[in-house]
């Protein structure tokens, strides 16, 4: 593996850790803290071209801005974690992940 691939693997591991901590701390966070942490995940994903993760974070941010319902957060976080490991980083992959979240939330 090349240096760039190793660096991307480290970033992906850090994103997974962030998402795991966010899911764990969710019951203890207020809306502002949650929004800030999700925004950080989105920014990191964007910086490293992880479009599906970026779009999932953006979707969660949007859902949080229009709803007080925290029950939707875990499906987004779980799907974001899955998307971190995805080799595809195109718009179609992002749409597939967003559809998966929609299916989990609304059947």
C-alpha atoms as a PDB file:
ATOM      1  CA  UNK A   1       0.000   0.000   0.000  1.00  0.00           C
ATOM      2  CA  UNK A   2       1.120   3.486  -0.749  1.00  0.00           C
ATOM      3  CA  UNK A   3       1.454   6.365   1.652  1.00  0.00           C
ATOM      4  CA  UNK A   4      -1.736   7.998   0.350  1.00  0.00           C
ATOM      5  CA  UNK A   5      -3.691   4.788   0.859  1.00  0.00           C
ATOM      6  CA  UNK A   6      -2.309   4.393   4.383  1.00  0.00           C
ATOM      7  CA  UNK A   7      -3.228   7.996   5.196  1.00  0.00           C
ATOM      8  CA  UNK A   8      -6.761   7.500   3.895  1.00  0.00           C
ATOM      9  CA  UNK A   9      -7.119   4.340   5.980  1.00  0.00           C
ATOM     10  CA  UNK A  10      -6.071   6.339   9.057  1.00  0.00           C
ATOM     11  CA  UNK A  11      -8.622   9.053   8.266  1.00  0.00           C
ATOM     12  CA  UNK A  12     -11.318   6.423   7.811  1.00  0.00           C
ATOM     13  CA  UNK A  13     -10.382   4.843  11.155  1.00  0.00           C
ATOM     14  CA  UNK A  14     -10.555   8.268  12.826  1.00  0.00           C
ATOM     15  CA  UNK A  15     -13.966   8.915  11.283  1.00  0.00           C
ATOM     16  CA  UNK A  16     -15.241   5.548  12.524  1.00  0.00           C
ATOM     17  CA  UNK A  17     -13.955   6.383  16.003  1.00  0.00           C
ATOM     18  CA  UNK A  18     -15.652   9.798  15.904  1.00  0.00           C
ATOM     19  CA  UNK A  19     -18.932   8.265  14.795  1.00  0.00           C
ATOM     20  CA  UNK A  20     -18.723   5.565  17.485  1.00  0.00           C
ATOM     21  CA  UNK A  21     -18.051   8.143  20.211  1.00  0.00           C
ATOM     22  CA  UNK A  22     -20.867  10.311  18.895  1.00  0.00           C
ATOM     23  CA  UNK A  23     -23.296   7.369  19.043  1.00  0.00           C
ATOM     24  CA  UNK A  24     -22.109   6.501  22.549  1.00  0.00           C
ATOM     25  CA  UNK A  25     -22.383  10.075  23.840  1.00  0.00           C
ATOM     26  CA  UNK A  26     -25.702  10.773  22.099  1.00  0.00           C
ATOM     27  CA  UNK A  27     -27.839  10.464  25.254  1.00  0.00           C
ATOM     28  CA  UNK A  28     -25.662  13.073  26.979  1.00  0.00           C
ATOM     29  CA  UNK A  29     -25.556  15.646  24.181  1.00  0.00           C
ATOM     30  CA  UNK A  30     -27.771  18.607  23.513  1.00  0.00           C
ATOM     31  CA  UNK A  31     -28.862  19.569  20.009  1.00  0.00           C
ATOM     32  CA  UNK A  32     -26.102  22.141  19.567  1.00  0.00           C
ATOM     33  CA  UNK A  33     -23.356  19.708  20.567  1.00  0.00           C
ATOM     34  CA  UNK A  34     -24.768  17.032  18.288  1.00  0.00           C
ATOM     35  CA  UNK A  35     -24.998  19.414  15.340  1.00  0.00           C
ATOM     36  CA  UNK A  36     -21.408  20.550  15.922  1.00  0.00           C
ATOM     37  CA  UNK A  37     -20.078  16.989  16.033  1.00  0.00           C
ATOM     38  CA  UNK A  38     -22.007  15.953  12.916  1.00  0.00           C
ATOM     39  CA  UNK A  39     -20.654  19.040  11.148  1.00  0.00           C
ATOM     40  CA  UNK A  40     -17.106  18.001  12.071  1.00  0.00           C
ATOM     41  CA  UNK A  41     -17.688  14.560  10.558  1.00  0.00           C
ATOM     42  CA  UNK A  42     -19.051  16.222   7.415  1.00  0.00           C
ATOM     43  CA  UNK A  43     -16.053  18.555   7.138  1.00  0.00           C
ATOM     44  CA  UNK A  44     -13.539  15.725   7.507  1.00  0.00           C
ATOM     45  CA  UNK A  45     -15.395  13.587   4.985  1.00  0.00           C
ATOM     46  CA  UNK A  46     -15.475  16.472   2.532  1.00  0.00           C
ATOM     47  CA  UNK A  47     -11.779  17.216   2.970  1.00  0.00           C
ATOM     48  CA  UNK A  48     -10.890  13.638   2.048  1.00  0.00           C
ATOM     49  CA  UNK A  49     -13.393  13.126  -0.746  1.00  0.00           C
ATOM     50  CA  UNK A  50     -15.640  10.721   1.138  1.00  0.00           C
ATOM     51  CA  UNK A  51     -18.788  11.957  -0.590  1.00  0.00           C
ATOM     52  CA  UNK A  52     -21.221   9.344   0.773  1.00  0.00           C
ATOM     53  CA  UNK A  53     -20.207  10.139   4.367  1.00  0.00           C
ATOM     54  CA  UNK A  54     -20.394  13.867   3.654  1.00  0.00           C
ATOM     55  CA  UNK A  55     -23.892  13.525   2.189  1.00  0.00           C
ATOM     56  CA  UNK A  56     -25.111  11.385   5.080  1.00  0.00           C
ATOM     57  CA  UNK A  57     -23.813  13.967   7.550  1.00  0.00           C
ATOM     58  CA  UNK A  58     -25.473  16.723   5.533  1.00  0.00           C
ATOM     59  CA  UNK A  59     -28.717  14.731   5.535  1.00  0.00           C
ATOM     60  CA  UNK A  60     -28.540  14.278   9.291  1.00  0.00           C
ATOM     61  CA  UNK A  61     -27.824  17.978   9.779  1.00  0.00           C
ATOM     62  CA  UNK A  62     -30.871  18.792   7.668  1.00  0.00           C
ATOM     63  CA  UNK A  63     -33.066  16.331   9.573  1.00  0.00           C
ATOM     64  CA  UNK A  64     -31.887  17.748  12.890  1.00  0.00           C
ATOM     65  CA  UNK A  65     -32.677  21.278  11.789  1.00  0.00           C
ATOM     66  CA  UNK A  66     -36.297  20.397  11.031  1.00  0.00           C
ATOM     67  CA  UNK A  67     -37.051  17.943  13.828  1.00  0.00           C
ATOM     68  CA  UNK A  68     -36.490  17.451  17.504  1.00  0.00           C
ATOM     69  CA  UNK A  69     -36.663  13.660  17.097  1.00  0.00           C
ATOM     70  CA  UNK A  70     -33.408  12.058  18.180  1.00  0.00           C
ATOM     71  CA  UNK A  71     -34.576   8.563  17.226  1.00  0.00           C
ATOM     72  CA  UNK A  72     -33.420   9.221  13.666  1.00  0.00           C
ATOM     73  CA  UNK A  73     -29.828   9.925  14.665  1.00  0.00           C
ATOM     74  CA  UNK A  74     -28.626   6.354  15.207  1.00  0.00           C
ATOM     75  CA  UNK A  75     -29.666   5.070  11.765  1.00  0.00           C
ATOM     76  CA  UNK A  76     -27.764   7.963  10.206  1.00  0.00           C
ATOM     77  CA  UNK A  77     -24.687   7.318  12.364  1.00  0.00           C
ATOM     78  CA  UNK A  78     -24.726   3.579  11.703  1.00  0.00           C
ATOM     79  CA  UNK A  79     -25.044   4.158   7.968  1.00  0.00           C
ATOM     80  CA  UNK A  80     -22.296   6.802   8.051  1.00  0.00           C
ATOM     81  CA  UNK A  81     -20.007   4.294   9.705  1.00  0.00           C
ATOM     82  CA  UNK A  82     -20.786   1.778   6.959  1.00  0.00           C
ATOM     83  CA  UNK A  83     -20.163   4.425   4.307  1.00  0.00           C
ATOM     84  CA  UNK A  84     -16.715   5.190   5.718  1.00  0.00           C
ATOM     85  CA  UNK A  85     -15.604   1.734   4.600  1.00  0.00           C
ATOM     86  CA  UNK A  86     -17.125   2.035   1.146  1.00  0.00           C
ATOM     87  CA  UNK A  87     -14.690   2.012  -1.756  1.00  0.00           C
ATOM     88  CA  UNK A  88     -17.103   3.986  -3.915  1.00  0.00           C
ATOM     89  CA  UNK A  89     -17.216   7.706  -3.221  1.00  0.00           C
ATOM     90  CA  UNK A  90     -19.487   8.854  -6.043  1.00  0.00           C
ATOM     91  CA  UNK A  91     -22.925  10.457  -5.983  1.00  0.00           C
ATOM     92  CA  UNK A  92     -24.682   7.161  -6.769  1.00  0.00           C
ATOM     93  CA  UNK A  93     -23.120   5.542  -3.694  1.00  0.00           C
ATOM     94  CA  UNK A  94     -24.206   8.516  -1.578  1.00  0.00           C
ATOM     95  CA  UNK A  95     -27.754   8.209  -2.880  1.00  0.00           C
ATOM     96  CA  UNK A  96     -27.774   4.486  -2.078  1.00  0.00           C
ATOM     97  CA  UNK A  97     -26.759   5.170   1.507  1.00  0.00           C
ATOM     98  CA  UNK A  98     -29.343   7.936   1.866  1.00  0.00           C
ATOM     99  CA  UNK A  99     -31.993   5.569   0.512  1.00  0.00           C
ATOM    100  CA  UNK A 100     -30.904   2.960   3.067  1.00  0.00           C
ATOM    101  CA  UNK A 101     -31.384   5.465   5.892  1.00  0.00           C
ATOM    102  CA  UNK A 102     -34.778   6.429   4.516  1.00  0.00           C
ATOM    103  CA  UNK A 103     -35.768   2.765   4.371  1.00  0.00           C
ATOM    104  CA  UNK A 104     -34.653   2.192   7.980  1.00  0.00           C
ATOM    105  CA  UNK A 105     -36.520   5.254   9.214  1.00  0.00           C
ATOM    106  CA  UNK A 106     -39.726   5.027   7.254  1.00  0.00           C
ATOM    107  CA  UNK A 107     -39.897   1.439   5.972  1.00  0.00           C
END
